[in-house]
Amino acid sequence: MPTADEVELPDHGIVTTFCVVNVPYPGQRVAPPYVAAAVLLDGADIPLAHLILGCEPGEVRMGLRVRAAWKPREEWGTTMENIDHFRPTGEPDAPYEAYAHHL
């Protein structure tokens, strides 16, 4: 049953898993190579799929701390597309135990 409750979460979290996309396809928003990742927002129980930009694909790893790069507010709607992508924060990586049960 769907819930009507909204829970506010921070815009930063941890990369739990990821894939480096190297194959081009029609309509692609970002030219390969780029990273598609599962991002577990701090305080959430379910990772969300999103892009990781702002670093080389080879620098992305499990446990990488990331923060949302938001689209301009005038472009916002009611979906997670308000977030353009995530980028590394520069903080130390999260320990494996912090996200292991979300893989």
N, C-alpha and C. Protein backbone atom coordinates (compact mmCIF):
# COMPACT_ATOMS: atom_id res chain seq x y z
N MET A 1 0.84 -1.18 0.00
CA MET A 1 0.00 0.00 0.00
C MET A 1 0.89 1.24 0.00
N PRO A 2 0.63 2.18 -0.90
CA PRO A 2 1.45 3.41 -0.94
C PRO A 2 1.25 4.23 0.33
N THR A 3 2.26 4.98 0.64
CA THR A 3 2.19 5.86 1.81
C THR A 3 1.98 7.30 1.36
N ALA A 4 1.35 8.08 2.18
CA ALA A 4 1.15 9.50 1.88
C ALA A 4 2.13 10.35 2.66
N ASP A 5 2.91 9.72 3.53
CA ASP A 5 3.87 10.47 4.34
C ASP A 5 5.08 10.86 3.52
N GLU A 6 5.54 12.07 3.71
CA GLU A 6 6.78 12.53 3.09
C GLU A 6 7.85 12.59 4.17
N VAL A 7 9.04 12.13 3.80
CA VAL A 7 10.16 12.14 4.72
C VAL A 7 11.29 12.91 4.05
N GLU A 8 11.72 13.98 4.67
CA GLU A 8 12.80 14.78 4.11
C GLU A 8 14.13 14.11 4.40
N LEU A 9 14.96 14.00 3.38
CA LEU A 9 16.29 13.40 3.51
C LEU A 9 17.35 14.39 3.07
N PRO A 10 18.57 14.22 3.53
CA PRO A 10 19.65 15.08 3.06
C PRO A 10 19.97 14.79 1.60
N ASP A 11 20.70 15.69 0.96
CA ASP A 11 21.03 15.51 -0.46
C ASP A 11 22.42 14.89 -0.64
N HIS A 12 22.87 14.15 0.35
CA HIS A 12 24.17 13.49 0.23
C HIS A 12 24.05 12.04 0.71
N GLY A 13 24.97 11.23 0.22
CA GLY A 13 24.93 9.82 0.58
C GLY A 13 26.16 9.06 0.12
N ILE A 14 25.96 7.77 -0.14
CA ILE A 14 27.05 6.84 -0.42
C ILE A 14 26.76 6.07 -1.70
N VAL A 15 27.76 5.92 -2.55
CA VAL A 15 27.64 5.02 -3.70
C VAL A 15 27.73 3.59 -3.17
N THR A 16 26.68 2.80 -3.43
CA THR A 16 26.71 1.40 -2.98
C THR A 16 27.21 0.49 -4.09
N THR A 17 26.69 0.66 -5.29
CA THR A 17 27.16 -0.09 -6.46
C THR A 17 27.15 0.86 -7.65
N PHE A 18 27.85 0.49 -8.70
CA PHE A 18 27.91 1.38 -9.86
C PHE A 18 28.29 0.60 -11.11
N CYS A 19 28.10 1.25 -12.25
CA CYS A 19 28.44 0.69 -13.54
C CYS A 19 29.03 1.81 -14.40
N VAL A 20 30.15 1.55 -15.04
CA VAL A 20 30.71 2.50 -15.99
C VAL A 20 30.10 2.20 -17.35
N VAL A 21 29.39 3.18 -17.89
CA VAL A 21 28.73 3.02 -19.19
C VAL A 21 29.69 3.46 -20.28
N ASN A 22 30.01 2.54 -21.17
CA ASN A 22 30.94 2.81 -22.26
C ASN A 22 30.29 2.74 -23.64
N VAL A 23 29.06 2.27 -23.72
CA VAL A 23 28.39 2.05 -25.01
C VAL A 23 27.45 3.21 -25.31
N PRO A 24 27.65 3.88 -26.43
CA PRO A 24 26.73 4.98 -26.80
C PRO A 24 25.40 4.43 -27.31
N TYR A 25 24.34 5.20 -27.14
CA TYR A 25 23.03 4.85 -27.69
C TYR A 25 22.30 6.15 -28.03
N PRO A 26 21.33 6.10 -28.95
CA PRO A 26 20.61 7.31 -29.35
C PRO A 26 19.89 7.96 -28.17
N GLY A 27 19.98 9.28 -28.10
CA GLY A 27 19.30 10.04 -27.06
C GLY A 27 20.03 10.12 -25.74
N GLN A 28 21.25 9.61 -25.70
CA GLN A 28 22.03 9.62 -24.46
C GLN A 28 22.28 11.06 -24.01
N ARG A 29 22.04 11.32 -22.72
CA ARG A 29 22.21 12.67 -22.17
C ARG A 29 23.68 13.02 -21.96
N VAL A 30 24.48 12.04 -21.57
CA VAL A 30 25.90 12.24 -21.28
C VAL A 30 26.71 11.32 -22.18
N ALA A 31 27.77 11.85 -22.77
CA ALA A 31 28.61 11.02 -23.64
C ALA A 31 29.43 10.04 -22.80
N PRO A 32 29.52 8.79 -23.25
CA PRO A 32 30.34 7.80 -22.53
C PRO A 32 31.81 8.18 -22.57
N PRO A 33 32.59 7.73 -21.63
CA PRO A 33 32.17 6.92 -20.48
C PRO A 33 31.63 7.79 -19.36
N TYR A 34 30.65 7.24 -18.65
CA TYR A 34 30.10 7.90 -17.47
C TYR A 34 29.65 6.82 -16.50
N VAL A 35 29.27 7.24 -15.29
CA VAL A 35 28.92 6.27 -14.25
C VAL A 35 27.44 6.39 -13.88
N ALA A 36 26.76 5.26 -13.90
CA ALA A 36 25.42 5.13 -13.33
C ALA A 36 25.60 4.39 -12.01
N ALA A 37 25.00 4.89 -10.94
CA ALA A 37 25.25 4.30 -9.63
C ALA A 37 23.98 4.20 -8.80
N ALA A 38 24.04 3.35 -7.80
CA ALA A 38 23.02 3.30 -6.76
C ALA A 38 23.55 4.16 -5.62
N VAL A 39 22.79 5.19 -5.25
CA VAL A 39 23.19 6.13 -4.20
C VAL A 39 22.25 5.95 -3.02
N LEU A 40 22.81 5.63 -1.87
CA LEU A 40 22.04 5.49 -0.64
C LEU A 40 22.14 6.81 0.11
N LEU A 41 21.06 7.60 0.08
CA LEU A 41 21.06 8.87 0.81
C LEU A 41 21.15 8.61 2.30
N ASP A 42 21.86 9.46 3.01
CA ASP A 42 21.98 9.32 4.46
C ASP A 42 20.57 9.31 5.07
N GLY A 43 20.28 8.30 5.86
CA GLY A 43 18.98 8.18 6.51
C GLY A 43 17.96 7.39 5.72
N ALA A 44 18.29 6.99 4.48
CA ALA A 44 17.36 6.22 3.65
C ALA A 44 17.64 4.72 3.78
N ASP A 45 16.67 3.92 3.36
CA ASP A 45 16.82 2.47 3.39
C ASP A 45 16.95 1.87 2.00
N ILE A 46 16.61 2.64 0.97
CA ILE A 46 16.62 2.14 -0.40
C ILE A 46 17.48 3.06 -1.26
N PRO A 47 18.50 2.53 -1.93
CA PRO A 47 19.31 3.37 -2.83
C PRO A 47 18.49 3.81 -4.04
N LEU A 48 18.88 4.94 -4.62
CA LEU A 48 18.25 5.39 -5.85
C LEU A 48 19.30 5.40 -6.96
N ALA A 49 18.84 5.19 -8.18
CA ALA A 49 19.75 5.15 -9.33
C ALA A 49 19.93 6.56 -9.87
N HIS A 50 21.20 6.93 -10.09
CA HIS A 50 21.46 8.26 -10.63
C HIS A 50 22.86 8.31 -11.25
N LEU A 51 23.17 9.42 -11.90
CA LEU A 51 24.48 9.63 -12.51
C LEU A 51 25.48 10.15 -11.49
N ILE A 52 26.74 9.75 -11.67
CA ILE A 52 27.84 10.31 -10.89
C ILE A 52 28.72 11.05 -11.89
N LEU A 53 28.83 12.35 -11.73
CA LEU A 53 29.66 13.19 -12.60
C LEU A 53 30.60 14.00 -11.70
N GLY A 54 31.46 14.79 -12.31
CA GLY A 54 32.36 15.63 -11.53
C GLY A 54 33.65 14.95 -11.17
N CYS A 55 33.89 13.77 -11.74
CA CYS A 55 35.15 13.05 -11.55
C CYS A 55 35.30 12.06 -12.70
N GLU A 56 36.47 11.50 -12.83
CA GLU A 56 36.70 10.49 -13.86
C GLU A 56 35.98 9.20 -13.46
N PRO A 57 35.40 8.47 -14.41
CA PRO A 57 34.71 7.21 -14.08
C PRO A 57 35.57 6.26 -13.24
N GLY A 58 36.87 6.21 -13.50
CA GLY A 58 37.75 5.32 -12.76
C GLY A 58 37.95 5.71 -11.30
N GLU A 59 37.50 6.90 -10.91
CA GLU A 59 37.62 7.35 -9.53
C GLU A 59 36.40 6.95 -8.67
N VAL A 60 35.32 6.51 -9.32
CA VAL A 60 34.12 6.12 -8.58
C VAL A 60 34.34 4.74 -7.97
N ARG A 61 33.87 4.57 -6.75
CA ARG A 61 34.05 3.30 -6.04
C ARG A 61 32.93 3.14 -5.01
N MET A 62 32.73 1.91 -4.57
CA MET A 62 31.77 1.65 -3.51
C MET A 62 32.22 2.41 -2.26
N GLY A 63 31.28 3.03 -1.58
CA GLY A 63 31.59 3.79 -0.38
C GLY A 63 31.89 5.26 -0.63
N LEU A 64 32.01 5.67 -1.90
CA LEU A 64 32.29 7.07 -2.24
C LEU A 64 31.17 7.95 -1.72
N ARG A 65 31.53 9.00 -0.99
CA ARG A 65 30.55 9.97 -0.50
C ARG A 65 30.24 10.96 -1.61
N VAL A 66 28.94 11.19 -1.88
CA VAL A 66 28.50 12.07 -2.96
C VAL A 66 27.42 13.03 -2.46
N ARG A 67 27.26 14.10 -3.21
CA ARG A 67 26.23 15.11 -2.91
C ARG A 67 25.51 15.46 -4.21
N ALA A 68 24.23 15.78 -4.09
CA ALA A 68 23.41 16.12 -5.25
C ALA A 68 23.84 17.45 -5.86
N ALA A 69 23.84 17.50 -7.18
CA ALA A 69 23.99 18.75 -7.94
C ALA A 69 22.59 19.04 -8.50
N TRP A 70 21.93 20.02 -7.94
CA TRP A 70 20.54 20.31 -8.26
C TRP A 70 20.40 21.11 -9.55
N LYS A 71 19.32 20.87 -10.27
CA LYS A 71 18.95 21.72 -11.39
C LYS A 71 18.47 23.06 -10.83
N PRO A 72 18.43 24.10 -11.65
CA PRO A 72 17.88 25.38 -11.17
C PRO A 72 16.44 25.19 -10.67
N ARG A 73 16.09 25.85 -9.58
CA ARG A 73 14.77 25.66 -8.96
C ARG A 73 13.62 25.90 -9.94
N GLU A 74 13.78 26.81 -10.88
CA GLU A 74 12.69 27.08 -11.83
C GLU A 74 12.44 25.89 -12.77
N GLU A 75 13.34 24.93 -12.81
CA GLU A 75 13.17 23.72 -13.63
C GLU A 75 12.63 22.54 -12.81
N TRP A 76 12.42 22.74 -11.52
CA TRP A 76 11.99 21.65 -10.66
C TRP A 76 10.56 21.21 -10.95
N GLY A 77 10.35 19.92 -10.79
CA GLY A 77 9.03 19.32 -10.86
C GLY A 77 8.81 18.54 -9.57
N THR A 78 8.20 17.39 -9.69
CA THR A 78 7.90 16.58 -8.50
C THR A 78 8.59 15.22 -8.56
N THR A 79 9.73 15.15 -9.25
CA THR A 79 10.44 13.88 -9.38
C THR A 79 11.89 14.06 -8.94
N MET A 80 12.61 12.94 -8.89
CA MET A 80 14.03 13.03 -8.53
C MET A 80 14.86 13.62 -9.67
N GLU A 81 14.23 13.92 -10.80
CA GLU A 81 14.93 14.60 -11.89
C GLU A 81 15.30 16.03 -11.52
N ASN A 82 14.84 16.51 -10.36
CA ASN A 82 15.30 17.81 -9.86
C ASN A 82 16.79 17.77 -9.60
N ILE A 83 17.30 16.57 -9.33
CA ILE A 83 18.75 16.38 -9.16
C ILE A 83 19.34 16.09 -10.53
N ASP A 84 20.25 16.94 -10.98
CA ASP A 84 20.89 16.74 -12.27
C ASP A 84 21.81 15.52 -12.23
N HIS A 85 22.59 15.43 -11.15
CA HIS A 85 23.53 14.32 -10.96
C HIS A 85 24.07 14.39 -9.54
N PHE A 86 24.89 13.43 -9.19
CA PHE A 86 25.62 13.47 -7.92
C PHE A 86 27.10 13.63 -8.24
N ARG A 87 27.85 14.25 -7.30
CA ARG A 87 29.29 14.40 -7.48
C ARG A 87 29.99 14.13 -6.15
N PRO A 88 31.25 13.73 -6.21
CA PRO A 88 31.98 13.41 -4.97
C PRO A 88 32.07 14.62 -4.05
N THR A 89 32.03 14.34 -2.74
CA THR A 89 32.12 15.42 -1.76
C THR A 89 33.56 15.69 -1.34
N GLY A 90 34.45 14.71 -1.52
CA GLY A 90 35.81 14.84 -1.04
C GLY A 90 35.98 14.31 0.38
N GLU A 91 34.89 13.89 1.00
CA GLU A 91 34.95 13.31 2.34
C GLU A 91 35.55 11.91 2.26
N PRO A 92 36.03 11.39 3.38
CA PRO A 92 36.51 10.00 3.38
C PRO A 92 35.39 9.03 3.00
N ASP A 93 35.76 7.93 2.36
CA ASP A 93 34.78 6.92 1.98
C ASP A 93 34.08 6.35 3.21
N ALA A 94 32.84 5.94 3.02
CA ALA A 94 32.10 5.27 4.08
C ALA A 94 32.63 3.85 4.23
N PRO A 95 32.69 3.34 5.46
CA PRO A 95 33.13 1.96 5.63
C PRO A 95 32.10 1.00 5.04
N TYR A 96 32.55 -0.13 4.55
CA TYR A 96 31.69 -1.13 3.92
C TYR A 96 30.50 -1.48 4.81
N GLU A 97 30.71 -1.59 6.09
CA GLU A 97 29.65 -1.96 7.02
C GLU A 97 28.49 -0.95 7.00
N ALA A 98 28.76 0.30 6.61
CA ALA A 98 27.75 1.34 6.61
C ALA A 98 26.70 1.15 5.51
N TYR A 99 27.03 0.39 4.47
CA TYR A 99 26.09 0.20 3.36
C TYR A 99 25.95 -1.25 2.91
N ALA A 100 26.68 -2.18 3.53
CA ALA A 100 26.70 -3.59 3.10
C ALA A 100 25.31 -4.21 3.03
N HIS A 101 24.43 -3.90 3.96
CA HIS A 101 23.10 -4.51 3.96
C HIS A 101 22.14 -3.84 2.98
N HIS A 102 22.64 -2.89 2.18
CA HIS A 102 21.83 -2.22 1.14
C HIS A 102 22.26 -2.63 -0.26
N LEU A 103 23.09 -3.65 -0.36
CA LEU A 103 23.57 -4.08 -1.69
C LEU A 103 22.57 -5.01 -2.35
